[in-house]
């Protein structure tokens, strides 16, 4: 079980760093809102995160 947690943490940290390198602080904000929305089951946070992430991906 600890190996799964370690791999999950490493994957999350790597994904965060890649997102920050590619999209800057707005990408990290989207990831934060997405995480908050999932944990609290808040559809408003999830919607805002999805829209912002979609706008970031459409820019390129």
N, C-alpha and C. Protein backbone atom coordinates (compact mmCIF):
# COMPACT_ATOMS: atom_id res chain seq x y z
N UNK A 1 0.82 -1.20 0.00
CA UNK A 1 0.00 0.00 0.00
C UNK A 1 0.86 1.26 0.00
N UNK A 2 1.96 1.22 0.72
CA UNK A 2 2.82 2.40 0.79
C UNK A 2 3.47 2.70 -0.57
N UNK A 3 3.74 1.65 -1.33
CA UNK A 3 4.32 1.86 -2.66
C UNK A 3 3.33 2.57 -3.57
N UNK A 4 2.06 2.23 -3.48
CA UNK A 4 1.03 2.89 -4.28
C UNK A 4 0.92 4.37 -3.90
N UNK A 5 0.98 4.65 -2.61
CA UNK A 5 0.91 6.04 -2.15
C UNK A 5 2.13 6.83 -2.63
N UNK A 6 3.31 6.22 -2.57
CA UNK A 6 4.52 6.88 -3.01
C UNK A 6 4.47 7.17 -4.51
N UNK A 7 4.04 6.20 -5.28
CA UNK A 7 3.95 6.39 -6.74
C UNK A 7 2.91 7.45 -7.08
N UNK A 8 1.81 7.47 -6.35
CA UNK A 8 0.78 8.47 -6.57
C UNK A 8 1.30 9.87 -6.27
N UNK A 9 2.04 10.00 -5.19
CA UNK A 9 2.61 11.29 -4.81
C UNK A 9 3.63 11.76 -5.85
N UNK A 10 4.48 10.85 -6.31
CA UNK A 10 5.48 11.21 -7.32
C UNK A 10 4.82 11.62 -8.63
N UNK A 11 3.78 10.90 -9.03
CA UNK A 11 3.07 11.24 -10.25
C UNK A 11 2.41 12.62 -10.12
N UNK A 12 1.80 12.89 -8.98
CA UNK A 12 1.16 14.18 -8.76
C UNK A 12 2.15 15.33 -8.76
N UNK A 13 3.28 15.14 -8.12
CA UNK A 13 4.30 16.20 -8.09
C UNK A 13 4.88 16.44 -9.48
N UNK A 14 5.12 15.37 -10.22
CA UNK A 14 5.66 15.50 -11.57
C UNK A 14 4.66 16.21 -12.48
N UNK A 15 3.40 15.82 -12.39
CA UNK A 15 2.36 16.46 -13.21
C UNK A 15 2.23 17.94 -12.88
N UNK A 16 2.32 18.28 -11.59
CA UNK A 16 2.23 19.68 -11.17
C UNK A 16 3.39 20.48 -11.73
N UNK A 17 4.59 19.94 -11.65
CA UNK A 17 5.77 20.65 -12.18
C UNK A 17 5.69 20.83 -13.69
N UNK A 18 5.24 19.81 -14.40
CA UNK A 18 5.11 19.94 -15.85
C UNK A 18 4.05 20.97 -16.22
N UNK A 19 2.96 20.96 -15.50
CA UNK A 19 1.89 21.92 -15.76
C UNK A 19 2.37 23.34 -15.47
N UNK A 20 3.12 23.50 -14.39
CA UNK A 20 3.62 24.83 -14.04
C UNK A 20 4.64 25.31 -15.07
N UNK A 21 5.49 24.42 -15.56
CA UNK A 21 6.49 24.80 -16.55
C UNK A 21 5.83 25.19 -17.87
N UNK A 22 4.76 24.52 -18.21
CA UNK A 22 4.12 24.78 -19.51
C UNK A 22 3.14 25.96 -19.47
N UNK A 23 2.32 26.04 -18.41
CA UNK A 23 1.25 27.03 -18.37
C UNK A 23 1.40 28.07 -17.27
N UNK A 24 2.44 27.98 -16.47
CA UNK A 24 2.67 28.99 -15.44
C UNK A 24 1.75 28.85 -14.24
N UNK A 25 1.58 29.96 -13.57
CA UNK A 25 0.79 29.94 -12.34
C UNK A 25 -0.69 29.71 -12.60
N UNK A 26 -1.19 30.08 -13.76
CA UNK A 26 -2.60 29.85 -14.06
C UNK A 26 -2.89 28.35 -14.20
N UNK A 27 -1.93 27.58 -14.68
CA UNK A 27 -2.10 26.13 -14.74
C UNK A 27 -2.15 25.51 -13.36
N UNK A 28 -1.32 26.03 -12.46
CA UNK A 28 -1.33 25.53 -11.08
C UNK A 28 -2.64 25.91 -10.40
N UNK A 29 -3.15 27.11 -10.68
CA UNK A 29 -4.44 27.53 -10.13
C UNK A 29 -5.56 26.59 -10.60
N UNK A 30 -5.54 26.22 -11.87
CA UNK A 30 -6.54 25.28 -12.39
C UNK A 30 -6.44 23.94 -11.69
N UNK A 31 -5.22 23.46 -11.50
CA UNK A 31 -5.04 22.19 -10.81
C UNK A 31 -5.50 22.27 -9.37
N UNK A 32 -5.24 23.39 -8.71
CA UNK A 32 -5.69 23.58 -7.33
C UNK A 32 -7.22 23.59 -7.25
N UNK A 33 -7.87 24.35 -8.15
CA UNK A 33 -9.33 24.39 -8.15
C UNK A 33 -9.93 23.03 -8.46
N UNK A 34 -9.29 22.30 -9.34
CA UNK A 34 -9.77 20.96 -9.67
C UNK A 34 -9.66 20.05 -8.45
N UNK A 35 -8.55 20.12 -7.74
CA UNK A 35 -8.39 19.31 -6.54
C UNK A 35 -9.37 19.67 -5.45
N UNK A 36 -9.60 20.97 -5.24
CA UNK A 36 -10.57 21.42 -4.24
C UNK A 36 -11.97 20.98 -4.62
N UNK A 37 -12.31 21.10 -5.89
CA UNK A 37 -13.63 20.70 -6.35
C UNK A 37 -13.90 19.22 -6.19
N UNK A 38 -12.89 18.40 -6.43
CA UNK A 38 -13.06 16.96 -6.28
C UNK A 38 -13.18 16.58 -4.81
N UNK A 39 -12.32 17.16 -3.98
CA UNK A 39 -12.34 16.80 -2.55
C UNK A 39 -13.63 17.23 -1.86
N UNK A 40 -14.12 18.43 -2.19
CA UNK A 40 -15.31 18.95 -1.52
C UNK A 40 -16.59 18.65 -2.29
N UNK A 41 -16.45 18.04 -3.46
CA UNK A 41 -17.58 17.76 -4.35
C UNK A 41 -18.37 19.03 -4.66
N UNK A 42 -17.60 20.08 -4.99
CA UNK A 42 -18.17 21.38 -5.30
C UNK A 42 -18.21 21.55 -6.82
N UNK A 43 -19.39 21.55 -7.43
CA UNK A 43 -19.47 21.66 -8.88
C UNK A 43 -19.01 23.02 -9.41
N UNK A 44 -19.09 24.06 -8.60
CA UNK A 44 -18.65 25.39 -9.04
C UNK A 44 -17.15 25.40 -9.26
N UNK A 45 -16.39 24.87 -8.32
CA UNK A 45 -14.94 24.80 -8.47
C UNK A 45 -14.55 23.94 -9.66
N UNK A 46 -15.23 22.82 -9.82
CA UNK A 46 -14.94 21.93 -10.94
C UNK A 46 -15.21 22.61 -12.29
N UNK A 47 -16.30 23.36 -12.35
CA UNK A 47 -16.65 24.04 -13.60
C UNK A 47 -15.64 25.13 -13.93
N UNK A 48 -15.28 25.92 -12.93
CA UNK A 48 -14.29 27.00 -13.15
C UNK A 48 -12.96 26.41 -13.58
N UNK A 49 -12.52 25.34 -12.92
CA UNK A 49 -11.26 24.70 -13.28
C UNK A 49 -11.30 24.14 -14.68
N UNK A 50 -12.41 23.51 -15.05
CA UNK A 50 -12.52 22.93 -16.39
C UNK A 50 -12.51 24.01 -17.47
N UNK A 51 -13.19 25.11 -17.22
CA UNK A 51 -13.22 26.19 -18.21
C UNK A 51 -11.85 26.82 -18.36
N UNK A 52 -11.20 27.11 -17.22
CA UNK A 52 -9.86 27.71 -17.29
C UNK A 52 -8.85 26.78 -17.96
N UNK A 53 -8.91 25.51 -17.63
CA UNK A 53 -8.00 24.55 -18.25
C UNK A 53 -8.27 24.43 -19.75
N UNK A 54 -9.54 24.45 -20.13
CA UNK A 54 -9.88 24.43 -21.55
C UNK A 54 -9.37 25.65 -22.28
N UNK A 55 -9.46 26.82 -21.65
CA UNK A 55 -8.93 28.05 -22.26
C UNK A 55 -7.41 28.01 -22.38
N UNK A 56 -6.75 27.46 -21.38
CA UNK A 56 -5.29 27.34 -21.45
C UNK A 56 -4.87 26.39 -22.57
N UNK A 57 -5.57 25.28 -22.69
CA UNK A 57 -5.21 24.33 -23.73
C UNK A 57 -5.55 24.85 -25.12
N UNK A 58 -6.58 25.67 -25.24
CA UNK A 58 -6.96 26.22 -26.54
C UNK A 58 -6.02 27.32 -27.01
N UNK A 59 -5.26 27.91 -26.09
CA UNK A 59 -4.34 28.97 -26.45
C UNK A 59 -3.23 28.49 -27.37
N UNK A 60 -2.77 27.29 -27.16
CA UNK A 60 -1.61 26.79 -27.94
C UNK A 60 -2.00 26.33 -29.28
